[in-house]
Amino acid sequence: MKLSSPSSTRRTNKRNGFSPVEFIVAICVLTTGLLALYSTSVVAHSLDHASEARSNAAYAMQRVIERTKALSAQWEENQVGWSNVVTTALLPGGSIGVTFDVEGLDPWLGAASIGMVRILTDETLTDAELGIALGMPRDLNGDGDAVDIDVTDDATLLPIIVRARWSGAGGNREATQAFYLTNT
């Protein structure tokens, strides 16, 4: 009697393709991967757009700062009238003005413009009131005290705040730069 080997008694089960369960699992894995890739792409695009908006705002703010410093430098030799010229340029209707726009950005809801320029001529203002660390109150006209509420005509030091506020996909954004102009 001939003994048969175990492999010859077993039936070989040959199959072609995937079972329905394997197919569904493969589709789920593929879908999850594609959704993760799409989500990463959307986040990267949003971050890129936010970075571009911040760069545009910073560039516009820097242009305002450079124009203000150039105007100040033109009048530096003139001790009398320097602060008045600079202050007048940074008022509504002045050569620089108190507002500026940034192409491609939208202002906060209800705001007329994106950028605002604020020149400080009140020595009594504090950093807390201004919302920025400038070392205020400070003697701006060099008279030995910091109690004058208007030093427009005789300031030797002028703090200036340049702020941009825009609305983007992630909500309201803001960038602020502050600097001093001096005439000593």
Protein backbone atom coordinates (compact mmCIF):
# COMPACT_ATOMS: atom_id res chain seq x y z
CA MET A 1 0.00 0.00 0.00
CA LYS A 2 1.25 3.31 -0.96
CA LEU A 3 1.04 6.16 1.48
CA SER A 4 0.16 9.50 0.10
CA SER A 5 2.03 12.55 1.14
CA PRO A 6 0.18 15.26 3.07
CA SER A 7 0.66 17.74 0.27
CA SER A 8 -1.05 15.53 -2.24
CA THR A 9 -4.09 15.08 -0.07
CA ARG A 10 -4.52 18.77 0.52
CA ARG A 11 -6.46 20.69 -1.98
CA THR A 12 -4.68 23.64 -3.38
CA ASN A 13 -6.80 26.71 -3.31
CA LYS A 14 -5.83 28.93 -6.16
CA ARG A 15 -7.44 32.32 -6.33
CA ASN A 16 -7.10 35.29 -8.57
CA GLY A 17 -7.49 38.95 -7.41
CA PHE A 18 -8.63 40.40 -4.13
CA SER A 19 -11.48 39.37 -1.95
CA PRO A 20 -14.18 42.01 -1.40
CA VAL A 21 -12.95 42.66 2.15
CA GLU A 22 -9.34 43.15 0.98
CA PHE A 23 -10.54 45.49 -1.75
CA ILE A 24 -12.52 47.61 0.72
CA VAL A 25 -9.55 47.79 3.14
CA ALA A 26 -7.22 48.82 0.29
CA ILE A 27 -9.65 51.56 -0.83
CA CYS A 28 -9.94 52.86 2.76
CA VAL A 29 -6.15 53.00 3.17
CA LEU A 30 -5.74 54.75 -0.18
CA THR A 31 -8.53 57.25 0.61
CA THR A 32 -7.03 58.04 4.03
CA GLY A 33 -3.63 58.66 2.44
CA LEU A 34 -5.09 60.94 -0.24
CA LEU A 35 -7.09 62.92 2.34
CA ALA A 36 -3.97 63.37 4.48
CA LEU A 37 -2.02 64.56 1.44
CA TYR A 38 -4.81 67.00 0.48
CA SER A 39 -5.07 68.31 4.05
CA THR A 40 -1.32 68.92 4.18
CA SER A 41 -1.49 70.74 0.87
CA VAL A 42 -4.31 73.01 2.10
CA VAL A 43 -2.43 73.85 5.31
CA ALA A 44 0.80 74.56 3.40
CA HIS A 45 -1.07 76.83 0.98
CA SER A 46 -2.73 78.69 3.86
CA LEU A 47 0.61 79.19 5.63
CA ASP A 48 2.19 80.39 2.40
CA HIS A 49 -0.62 82.91 1.86
CA ALA A 50 -0.37 84.14 5.48
CA SER A 51 3.41 84.54 5.13
CA GLU A 52 3.00 86.50 1.90
CA ALA A 53 0.42 88.80 3.52
CA ARG A 54 2.71 89.44 6.50
CA SER A 55 5.62 90.19 4.15
CA ASN A 56 3.49 92.64 2.14
CA ALA A 57 2.39 94.42 5.33
CA ALA A 58 5.96 94.57 6.67
CA TYR A 59 7.22 95.96 3.35
CA ALA A 60 4.52 98.67 3.31
CA MET A 61 5.30 99.59 6.92
CA GLN A 62 9.03 99.80 6.11
CA ARG A 63 8.32 102.17 3.20
CA VAL A 64 6.39 104.48 5.56
CA ILE A 65 9.24 104.37 8.08
CA GLU A 66 11.83 105.16 5.39
CA ARG A 67 9.78 108.08 4.07
CA THR A 68 9.40 109.44 7.61
CA LYS A 69 13.12 109.12 8.34
CA ALA A 70 13.99 110.77 5.01
CA LEU A 71 11.70 113.71 5.79
CA SER A 72 13.22 114.02 9.25
CA ALA A 73 16.74 113.98 7.82
CA GLN A 74 15.88 116.83 5.42
CA TRP A 75 14.93 119.04 8.37
CA GLU A 76 17.53 117.85 10.92
CA GLU A 77 19.73 120.92 10.47
CA ASN A 78 16.81 123.19 11.33
CA GLN A 79 16.49 122.94 15.11
CA VAL A 80 13.46 125.23 15.15
CA GLY A 81 10.50 123.77 13.35
CA TRP A 82 11.82 120.22 12.91
CA SER A 83 9.19 118.55 15.10
CA ASN A 84 6.42 120.69 13.62
CA VAL A 85 7.36 119.67 10.03
CA VAL A 86 7.56 115.98 10.94
CA THR A 87 4.33 116.12 12.93
CA THR A 88 2.49 117.93 10.13
CA ALA A 89 3.65 115.31 7.60
CA LEU A 90 2.16 112.58 9.79
CA LEU A 91 -1.25 114.21 10.20
CA PRO A 92 -4.30 113.62 7.99
CA GLY A 93 -3.60 115.29 4.67
CA GLY A 94 0.12 115.52 5.42
CA SER A 95 2.77 114.43 2.92
CA ILE A 96 2.97 111.00 4.57
CA GLY A 97 -0.40 110.93 6.29
CA VAL A 98 -1.78 108.81 9.10
CA THR A 99 -3.00 105.86 7.04
CA PHE A 100 -1.76 103.67 4.22
CA ASP A 101 -3.08 100.73 2.25
CA VAL A 102 -1.39 97.49 1.29
CA GLU A 103 -2.24 96.07 -2.10
CA GLY A 104 -3.81 92.64 -1.90
CA LEU A 105 -4.82 92.89 1.76
CA ASP A 106 -8.21 93.71 3.24
CA PRO A 107 -8.56 95.92 6.33
CA TRP A 108 -10.25 94.77 9.50
CA LEU A 109 -14.01 94.92 9.36
CA GLY A 110 -15.09 98.54 9.81
CA ALA A 111 -11.58 99.98 9.32
CA ALA A 112 -10.99 102.49 6.54
CA SER A 113 -7.41 101.38 5.85
CA ILE A 114 -4.88 98.72 6.71
CA GLY A 115 -2.03 100.88 7.97
CA MET A 116 -1.98 103.55 10.63
CA VAL A 117 0.83 105.90 11.65
CA ARG A 118 0.79 107.48 15.09
CA ILE A 119 3.24 110.15 16.16
CA LEU A 120 3.42 110.75 19.88
CA THR A 121 3.65 114.31 21.10
CA ASP A 122 2.17 113.70 24.56
CA GLU A 123 4.91 112.97 27.07
CA THR A 124 2.46 111.67 29.66
CA LEU A 125 1.29 108.63 27.69
CA THR A 126 2.36 105.30 29.13
CA ASP A 127 3.41 102.08 27.44
CA ALA A 128 0.29 100.43 28.85
CA GLU A 129 -1.93 103.03 27.19
CA LEU A 130 -0.08 102.65 23.90
CA GLY A 131 0.00 98.86 23.94
CA ILE A 132 3.69 98.76 23.02
CA ALA A 133 6.95 99.01 24.97
CA LEU A 134 8.52 102.37 24.10
CA GLY A 135 9.73 103.49 27.49
CA MET A 136 6.94 106.00 27.89
CA PRO A 137 6.31 108.37 29.60
CA ARG A 138 9.45 110.11 28.40
CA ASP A 139 10.80 113.66 28.16
CA LEU A 140 10.34 114.37 24.44
CA ASN A 141 11.35 118.05 24.39
CA GLY A 142 14.38 117.90 26.65
CA ASP A 143 13.05 120.27 29.33
CA GLY A 144 13.81 117.86 32.16
CA ASP A 145 10.31 116.58 32.85
CA ALA A 146 7.76 114.30 31.19
CA VAL A 147 4.55 116.22 31.93
CA ASP A 148 3.89 118.16 28.72
CA ILE A 149 0.83 117.01 26.82
CA ASP A 150 1.83 118.62 23.50
CA VAL A 151 5.44 118.98 22.37
CA THR A 152 4.61 119.40 18.68
CA ASP A 153 6.58 122.65 18.35
CA ASP A 154 9.67 121.86 20.44
CA ALA A 155 10.25 118.09 20.53
CA THR A 156 13.76 116.73 20.07
CA LEU A 157 12.60 113.12 20.24
CA LEU A 158 9.49 111.80 18.49
CA PRO A 159 8.23 108.25 19.04
CA ILE A 160 6.31 106.88 16.07
CA ILE A 161 4.18 103.74 15.88
CA VAL A 162 3.40 102.15 12.53
CA ARG A 163 0.72 99.47 12.61
CA ALA A 164 -0.86 97.29 9.93
CA ARG A 165 -4.10 95.41 10.55
CA TRP A 166 -5.54 93.13 7.90
CA SER A 167 -8.10 90.40 7.63
CA GLY A 168 -7.01 87.07 6.21
CA ALA A 169 -8.19 83.49 5.91
CA GLY A 170 -7.08 82.78 9.48
CA GLY A 171 -8.80 85.85 10.91
CA ASN A 172 -7.54 89.30 11.85
CA ARG A 173 -3.78 89.85 11.76
CA GLU A 174 -1.64 92.69 13.05
CA ALA A 175 1.96 93.83 12.76
CA THR A 176 3.47 96.77 14.63
CA GLN A 177 6.79 98.61 14.40
CA ALA A 178 7.87 101.52 16.55
CA PHE A 179 10.85 103.80 16.24
CA TYR A 180 12.19 107.16 17.38
CA LEU A 181 13.14 110.18 15.35
CA THR A 182 15.66 112.49 16.98
CA ASN A 183 16.86 115.99 16.34
CA THR A 184 19.61 116.74 18.80
